[in-house]
């Protein structure tokens, strides 16, 4: 739990201390455990990492086994994918 406070302190020193915190956790439960449906009681919320999404304007702790989606690069690869109208072959996937 100490690392959680260290990362929050670092984000504050970097000027992001006023950003809201948005919990990244399962939608199936108020806990980290999707098998504990609804609003369970008497549980410890395991925070495994804390990240800042400065562009979106929030800090988010990762709770339990939650994963995040990767972002797109500045130039998504779909710009390089074409379909030949005569052969209907796709080029540029790999």
C-alpha atoms as a PDB file:
ATOM      1  CA  UNK A   1       0.000   0.000   0.000  1.00  0.00           C
ATOM      2  CA  UNK A   2       3.007   2.256   0.546  1.00  0.00           C
ATOM      3  CA  UNK A   3       3.716   2.427  -3.207  1.00  0.00           C
ATOM      4  CA  UNK A   4       0.194   3.803  -3.714  1.00  0.00           C
ATOM      5  CA  UNK A   5       0.979   6.846  -1.590  1.00  0.00           C
ATOM      6  CA  UNK A   6       4.439   7.234  -3.174  1.00  0.00           C
ATOM      7  CA  UNK A   7       2.921   7.375  -6.655  1.00  0.00           C
ATOM      8  CA  UNK A   8       0.211   9.820  -5.548  1.00  0.00           C
ATOM      9  CA  UNK A   9       2.929  11.998  -3.995  1.00  0.00           C
ATOM     10  CA  UNK A  10       4.906  11.908  -7.258  1.00  0.00           C
ATOM     11  CA  UNK A  11       1.809  12.816  -9.308  1.00  0.00           C
ATOM     12  CA  UNK A  12       1.140  15.700  -6.896  1.00  0.00           C
ATOM     13  CA  UNK A  13       4.732  16.940  -7.258  1.00  0.00           C
ATOM     14  CA  UNK A  14       4.304  16.803 -11.030  1.00  0.00           C
ATOM     15  CA  UNK A  15       1.280  19.094 -10.760  1.00  0.00           C
ATOM     16  CA  UNK A  16      -1.485  16.497 -11.060  1.00  0.00           C
ATOM     17  CA  UNK A  17      -2.605  16.517  -7.423  1.00  0.00           C
ATOM     18  CA  UNK A  18      -5.992  18.049  -8.203  1.00  0.00           C
ATOM     19  CA  UNK A  19      -7.031  15.397 -10.724  1.00  0.00           C
ATOM     20  CA  UNK A  20     -10.007  13.240  -9.673  1.00  0.00           C
ATOM     21  CA  UNK A  21      -9.480   9.557  -8.916  1.00  0.00           C
ATOM     22  CA  UNK A  22     -11.414   7.033 -11.002  1.00  0.00           C
ATOM     23  CA  UNK A  23     -11.292   3.415  -9.798  1.00  0.00           C
ATOM     24  CA  UNK A  24     -10.509   0.800 -12.459  1.00  0.00           C
ATOM     25  CA  UNK A  25     -12.321  -2.289 -11.161  1.00  0.00           C
ATOM     26  CA  UNK A  26     -14.907  -4.865 -12.125  1.00  0.00           C
ATOM     27  CA  UNK A  27     -18.384  -3.552 -12.898  1.00  0.00           C
ATOM     28  CA  UNK A  28     -19.963  -6.618 -11.292  1.00  0.00           C
ATOM     29  CA  UNK A  29     -19.209  -5.687  -7.689  1.00  0.00           C
ATOM     30  CA  UNK A  30     -18.230  -2.774  -5.480  1.00  0.00           C
ATOM     31  CA  UNK A  31     -15.299  -4.970  -4.439  1.00  0.00           C
ATOM     32  CA  UNK A  32     -12.465  -6.216  -6.644  1.00  0.00           C
ATOM     33  CA  UNK A  33     -14.003  -9.692  -6.841  1.00  0.00           C
ATOM     34  CA  UNK A  34     -16.640 -10.190  -9.577  1.00  0.00           C
ATOM     35  CA  UNK A  35     -18.014 -13.238  -7.728  1.00  0.00           C
ATOM     36  CA  UNK A  36     -19.047 -11.002  -4.798  1.00  0.00           C
ATOM     37  CA  UNK A  37     -22.029  -9.494  -6.573  1.00  0.00           C
ATOM     38  CA  UNK A  38     -23.581  -6.161  -5.706  1.00  0.00           C
ATOM     39  CA  UNK A  39     -22.415  -4.374  -2.568  1.00  0.00           C
ATOM     40  CA  UNK A  40     -20.525  -6.865  -0.388  1.00  0.00           C
ATOM     41  CA  UNK A  41     -19.236  -5.902   3.060  1.00  0.00           C
ATOM     42  CA  UNK A  42     -16.046  -6.589   5.024  1.00  0.00           C
ATOM     43  CA  UNK A  43     -13.541  -6.785   2.184  1.00  0.00           C
ATOM     44  CA  UNK A  44     -10.123  -5.293   1.511  1.00  0.00           C
ATOM     45  CA  UNK A  45      -9.691  -3.555  -1.819  1.00  0.00           C
ATOM     46  CA  UNK A  46      -6.306  -4.629  -3.275  1.00  0.00           C
ATOM     47  CA  UNK A  47      -4.730  -1.800  -5.285  1.00  0.00           C
ATOM     48  CA  UNK A  48      -1.972  -3.222  -7.477  1.00  0.00           C
ATOM     49  CA  UNK A  49      -0.938  -0.048  -9.291  1.00  0.00           C
ATOM     50  CA  UNK A  50      -1.791   3.626  -9.655  1.00  0.00           C
ATOM     51  CA  UNK A  51      -1.581   5.380 -13.017  1.00  0.00           C
ATOM     52  CA  UNK A  52      -2.237   8.872 -14.318  1.00  0.00           C
ATOM     53  CA  UNK A  53      -4.174   9.568 -17.473  1.00  0.00           C
ATOM     54  CA  UNK A  54      -3.249  13.222 -17.634  1.00  0.00           C
ATOM     55  CA  UNK A  55      -4.768  13.871 -21.067  1.00  0.00           C
ATOM     56  CA  UNK A  56      -8.114  12.464 -19.958  1.00  0.00           C
ATOM     57  CA  UNK A  57      -7.786  14.286 -16.642  1.00  0.00           C
ATOM     58  CA  UNK A  58      -7.814  11.604 -13.958  1.00  0.00           C
ATOM     59  CA  UNK A  59      -5.715   9.268 -11.823  1.00  0.00           C
ATOM     60  CA  UNK A  60      -6.782   5.645 -11.706  1.00  0.00           C
ATOM     61  CA  UNK A  61      -5.841   2.892  -9.260  1.00  0.00           C
ATOM     62  CA  UNK A  62      -5.949  -0.605 -10.757  1.00  0.00           C
ATOM     63  CA  UNK A  63      -7.912  -2.896  -8.477  1.00  0.00           C
ATOM     64  CA  UNK A  64      -7.598  -6.698  -8.514  1.00  0.00           C
ATOM     65  CA  UNK A  65      -7.080  -8.302 -11.921  1.00  0.00           C
ATOM     66  CA  UNK A  66      -8.427  -5.352 -13.918  1.00  0.00           C
ATOM     67  CA  UNK A  67      -6.715  -4.792 -17.257  1.00  0.00           C
ATOM     68  CA  UNK A  68      -6.622  -1.643 -19.318  1.00  0.00           C
ATOM     69  CA  UNK A  69      -6.973  -1.216 -23.054  1.00  0.00           C
ATOM     70  CA  UNK A  70      -3.968  -0.053 -25.059  1.00  0.00           C
ATOM     71  CA  UNK A  71      -4.166   3.344 -26.691  1.00  0.00           C
ATOM     72  CA  UNK A  72      -3.681   4.041 -30.360  1.00  0.00           C
ATOM     73  CA  UNK A  73      -0.453   5.445 -31.661  1.00  0.00           C
ATOM     74  CA  UNK A  74      -0.436   8.914 -33.180  1.00  0.00           C
ATOM     75  CA  UNK A  75      -0.915   7.296 -36.593  1.00  0.00           C
ATOM     76  CA  UNK A  76      -3.129   4.167 -36.442  1.00  0.00           C
ATOM     77  CA  UNK A  77      -2.147   1.313 -38.757  1.00  0.00           C
ATOM     78  CA  UNK A  78      -5.517   1.318 -40.546  1.00  0.00           C
ATOM     79  CA  UNK A  79      -4.140   4.157 -42.674  1.00  0.00           C
ATOM     80  CA  UNK A  80      -1.788   1.594 -44.268  1.00  0.00           C
ATOM     81  CA  UNK A  81      -4.436  -1.065 -44.998  1.00  0.00           C
ATOM     82  CA  UNK A  82      -5.949  -1.178 -48.469  1.00  0.00           C
ATOM     83  CA  UNK A  83      -8.294  -3.470 -50.383  1.00  0.00           C
ATOM     84  CA  UNK A  84      -7.651  -4.092 -54.062  1.00  0.00           C
ATOM     85  CA  UNK A  85     -11.060  -3.487 -55.716  1.00  0.00           C
ATOM     86  CA  UNK A  86     -10.378  -5.996 -58.511  1.00  0.00           C
ATOM     87  CA  UNK A  87      -8.934  -8.916 -56.536  1.00  0.00           C
ATOM     88  CA  UNK A  88     -10.541  -8.012 -53.173  1.00  0.00           C
ATOM     89  CA  UNK A  89      -7.211  -8.847 -51.518  1.00  0.00           C
ATOM     90  CA  UNK A  90      -6.277  -6.976 -48.359  1.00  0.00           C
ATOM     91  CA  UNK A  91      -2.818  -5.425 -48.238  1.00  0.00           C
ATOM     92  CA  UNK A  92      -0.980  -3.902 -45.283  1.00  0.00           C
ATOM     93  CA  UNK A  93      -2.229  -6.016 -42.381  1.00  0.00           C
ATOM     94  CA  UNK A  94       1.210  -7.338 -41.426  1.00  0.00           C
END
